[in-house]
């Protein structure tokens, strides 16, 4: 007489194959590791450390796969997916702000071409996205030079454009 399979043997039979499990982990962890290089520019050094730590944690979850691959894959996809979405949203926000800053720089340079001097302020610039205006910290015209300071999430991590040296970045 055949005995009924135990619950644990049925679970093992329904578990993911090693090939699928490793493919899922690679598809989530490699892009996450590479996109992590942007975190230092969008969030700052402290958040970059946290992001890298969470990436390593997600990588360590692969070890759970020796016991239950389906469970480990779920955790890897959940953590990596959340981190990927968060950082892609931050990169998009940074790109929008950067695009607006390039528009301001062009506006200021065009003003100088027409009037022979840099404007006293950037009030004449029409923002494509109004919310970016709140990310501009300071604009200074100093004779034949100008500088523009701006931030993304908090003023501790800020960026600038200087007519002599171009774009720069100061981490937290």
Protein backbone atom coordinates (compact mmCIF):
# COMPACT_ATOMS: atom_id res chain seq x y z
CA UNK A 1 0.00 0.00 0.00
CA UNK A 2 1.32 3.41 -1.01
CA UNK A 3 1.59 6.05 1.64
CA UNK A 4 0.53 9.62 1.09
CA UNK A 5 3.42 12.02 0.42
CA UNK A 6 4.25 14.17 3.39
CA UNK A 7 3.71 17.92 3.30
CA UNK A 8 7.43 18.64 3.14
CA UNK A 9 8.00 16.36 0.12
CA UNK A 10 5.11 18.03 -1.75
CA UNK A 11 6.63 21.46 -0.95
CA UNK A 12 10.02 20.36 -2.25
CA UNK A 13 8.47 19.07 -5.47
CA UNK A 14 6.71 22.44 -6.01
CA UNK A 15 9.88 24.43 -5.31
CA UNK A 16 11.63 26.35 -8.10
CA UNK A 17 14.36 24.72 -10.09
CA UNK A 18 17.90 25.83 -9.34
CA UNK A 19 18.28 27.29 -12.83
CA UNK A 20 15.15 29.44 -12.50
CA UNK A 21 16.05 30.48 -8.96
CA UNK A 22 19.56 31.57 -9.95
CA UNK A 23 18.24 33.36 -13.06
CA UNK A 24 15.75 35.32 -10.95
CA UNK A 25 18.44 36.25 -8.42
CA UNK A 26 20.87 37.34 -11.13
CA UNK A 27 18.18 39.34 -12.96
CA UNK A 28 17.41 41.25 -9.76
CA UNK A 29 20.79 41.58 -8.05
CA UNK A 30 23.05 42.60 -10.95
CA UNK A 31 20.95 45.61 -12.05
CA UNK A 32 20.50 46.57 -8.41
CA UNK A 33 24.25 46.53 -7.82
CA UNK A 34 24.96 48.68 -10.88
CA UNK A 35 22.14 51.15 -10.27
CA UNK A 36 23.52 51.54 -6.75
CA UNK A 37 26.33 53.66 -8.15
CA UNK A 38 23.76 56.42 -8.73
CA UNK A 39 22.58 56.47 -5.12
CA UNK A 40 25.55 58.52 -3.95
CA UNK A 41 24.51 61.25 -6.41
CA UNK A 42 20.77 61.14 -5.80
CA UNK A 43 20.65 60.47 -2.06
CA UNK A 44 24.13 61.06 -0.65
CA UNK A 45 26.83 58.94 0.91
CA UNK A 46 24.90 57.81 3.99
CA UNK A 47 21.95 56.51 1.97
CA UNK A 48 24.41 54.96 -0.48
CA UNK A 49 25.80 52.89 2.39
CA UNK A 50 22.30 51.83 3.43
CA UNK A 51 21.40 50.96 -0.16
CA UNK A 52 24.54 48.84 -0.53
CA UNK A 53 23.77 47.14 2.79
CA UNK A 54 20.26 46.25 1.64
CA UNK A 55 21.69 44.98 -1.65
CA UNK A 56 24.08 42.70 0.25
CA UNK A 57 21.19 41.56 2.48
CA UNK A 58 19.18 40.67 -0.62
CA UNK A 59 22.21 38.78 -1.90
CA UNK A 60 22.48 36.87 1.37
CA UNK A 61 18.84 35.83 1.01
CA UNK A 62 20.04 33.61 -1.80
CA UNK A 63 21.40 31.36 0.97
CA UNK A 64 17.81 30.68 2.06
CA UNK A 65 17.49 29.04 -1.34
CA UNK A 66 19.39 26.01 -0.07
CA UNK A 67 16.35 25.32 2.09
CA UNK A 68 13.43 26.80 0.08
CA UNK A 69 14.17 28.42 -3.26
CA UNK A 70 10.64 29.74 -3.81
CA UNK A 71 10.69 31.57 -0.48
CA UNK A 72 14.16 32.98 -1.13
CA UNK A 73 13.18 34.12 -4.65
CA UNK A 74 10.13 35.90 -3.25
CA UNK A 75 12.24 37.82 -0.75
CA UNK A 76 14.91 38.67 -3.33
CA UNK A 77 12.31 39.90 -5.81
CA UNK A 78 10.50 41.90 -3.11
CA UNK A 79 13.55 43.65 -1.67
CA UNK A 80 15.35 44.14 -4.97
CA UNK A 81 12.17 45.26 -6.71
CA UNK A 82 11.44 47.87 -4.06
CA UNK A 83 15.02 49.17 -4.18
CA UNK A 84 15.04 49.26 -7.99
CA UNK A 85 11.76 51.17 -8.13
CA UNK A 86 12.92 53.61 -5.45
CA UNK A 87 16.23 54.33 -7.15
CA UNK A 88 14.75 54.57 -10.65
CA UNK A 89 12.28 57.13 -9.30
CA UNK A 90 15.19 59.06 -7.74
CA UNK A 91 17.19 58.98 -11.00
CA UNK A 92 14.14 60.24 -12.88
CA UNK A 93 13.72 63.08 -10.39
CA UNK A 94 17.42 63.95 -10.67
CA UNK A 95 17.18 63.98 -14.48
CA UNK A 96 14.17 66.33 -14.39
CA UNK A 97 15.96 68.73 -12.04
CA UNK A 98 19.14 68.53 -14.12
CA UNK A 99 17.20 69.22 -17.32
CA UNK A 100 15.66 72.29 -15.71
CA UNK A 101 19.07 73.50 -14.52
CA UNK A 102 20.45 73.18 -18.05
CA UNK A 103 17.49 75.31 -19.17
CA UNK A 104 18.36 77.94 -16.56
CA UNK A 105 22.01 77.96 -17.66
CA UNK A 106 20.94 78.45 -21.28
CA UNK A 107 18.56 81.22 -20.23
CA UNK A 108 21.30 83.01 -18.29
CA UNK A 109 23.79 82.67 -21.16
CA UNK A 110 21.22 83.92 -23.68
CA UNK A 111 20.49 86.90 -21.43
CA UNK A 112 24.21 87.72 -21.40
CA UNK A 113 24.40 87.48 -25.19
CA UNK A 114 21.50 89.90 -25.55
CA UNK A 115 22.25 92.36 -22.71
CA UNK A 116 26.01 91.97 -22.30
CA UNK A 117 25.72 90.97 -18.63
CA UNK A 118 24.29 88.16 -16.55
CA UNK A 119 20.84 88.72 -15.03
CA UNK A 120 20.62 89.71 -11.36
CA UNK A 121 18.20 86.86 -10.69
CA UNK A 122 16.57 83.97 -12.52
CA UNK A 123 13.03 85.33 -12.04
CA UNK A 124 12.73 85.72 -15.81
CA UNK A 125 13.15 82.00 -16.37
CA UNK A 126 9.94 80.05 -16.98
CA UNK A 127 10.16 76.66 -15.28
CA UNK A 128 8.78 73.68 -17.19
CA UNK A 129 7.92 72.01 -13.89
CA UNK A 130 7.04 74.42 -11.10
CA UNK A 131 8.14 72.11 -8.28
CA UNK A 132 11.78 72.34 -9.44
CA UNK A 133 11.82 76.03 -8.46
CA UNK A 134 11.90 74.93 -4.81
CA UNK A 135 15.09 72.97 -5.43
CA UNK A 136 17.08 76.03 -6.52
CA UNK A 137 19.04 77.24 -3.51
CA UNK A 138 20.97 80.19 -4.87
CA UNK A 139 21.91 82.05 -8.03
CA UNK A 140 24.75 84.57 -8.07
CA UNK A 141 26.01 86.76 -10.88
CA UNK A 142 29.52 88.01 -10.21
CA UNK A 143 30.75 90.20 -13.05
CA UNK A 144 31.65 87.95 -15.95
CA UNK A 145 30.81 84.76 -14.03
CA UNK A 146 27.75 83.21 -12.48
CA UNK A 147 26.93 80.26 -10.25
CA UNK A 148 23.79 78.31 -9.53
CA UNK A 149 23.31 76.03 -6.51
CA UNK A 150 20.55 73.45 -6.25
CA UNK A 151 19.62 70.25 -4.39
CA UNK A 152 17.49 67.19 -4.91
CA UNK A 153 16.18 65.70 -1.65
CA UNK A 154 17.88 67.74 1.06
CA UNK A 155 20.25 70.67 1.04
CA UNK A 156 23.06 68.65 2.64
CA UNK A 157 23.60 66.95 -0.70
CA UNK A 158 23.75 69.69 -3.29
CA UNK A 159 24.91 70.42 -6.79
CA UNK A 160 26.10 73.51 -8.58
CA UNK A 161 26.87 74.98 -11.92
CA UNK A 162 29.64 77.56 -12.19
CA UNK A 163 30.33 79.30 -15.46
CA UNK A 164 34.08 78.59 -15.09
CA UNK A 165 34.15 75.00 -13.91
CA UNK A 166 30.77 73.60 -15.02
CA UNK A 167 28.75 71.16 -12.94
CA UNK A 168 29.76 69.96 -9.49
CA UNK A 169 28.43 67.89 -6.61
CA UNK A 170 28.85 67.95 -2.83
CA UNK A 171 27.79 64.80 -0.97
CA UNK A 172 26.34 64.84 2.55
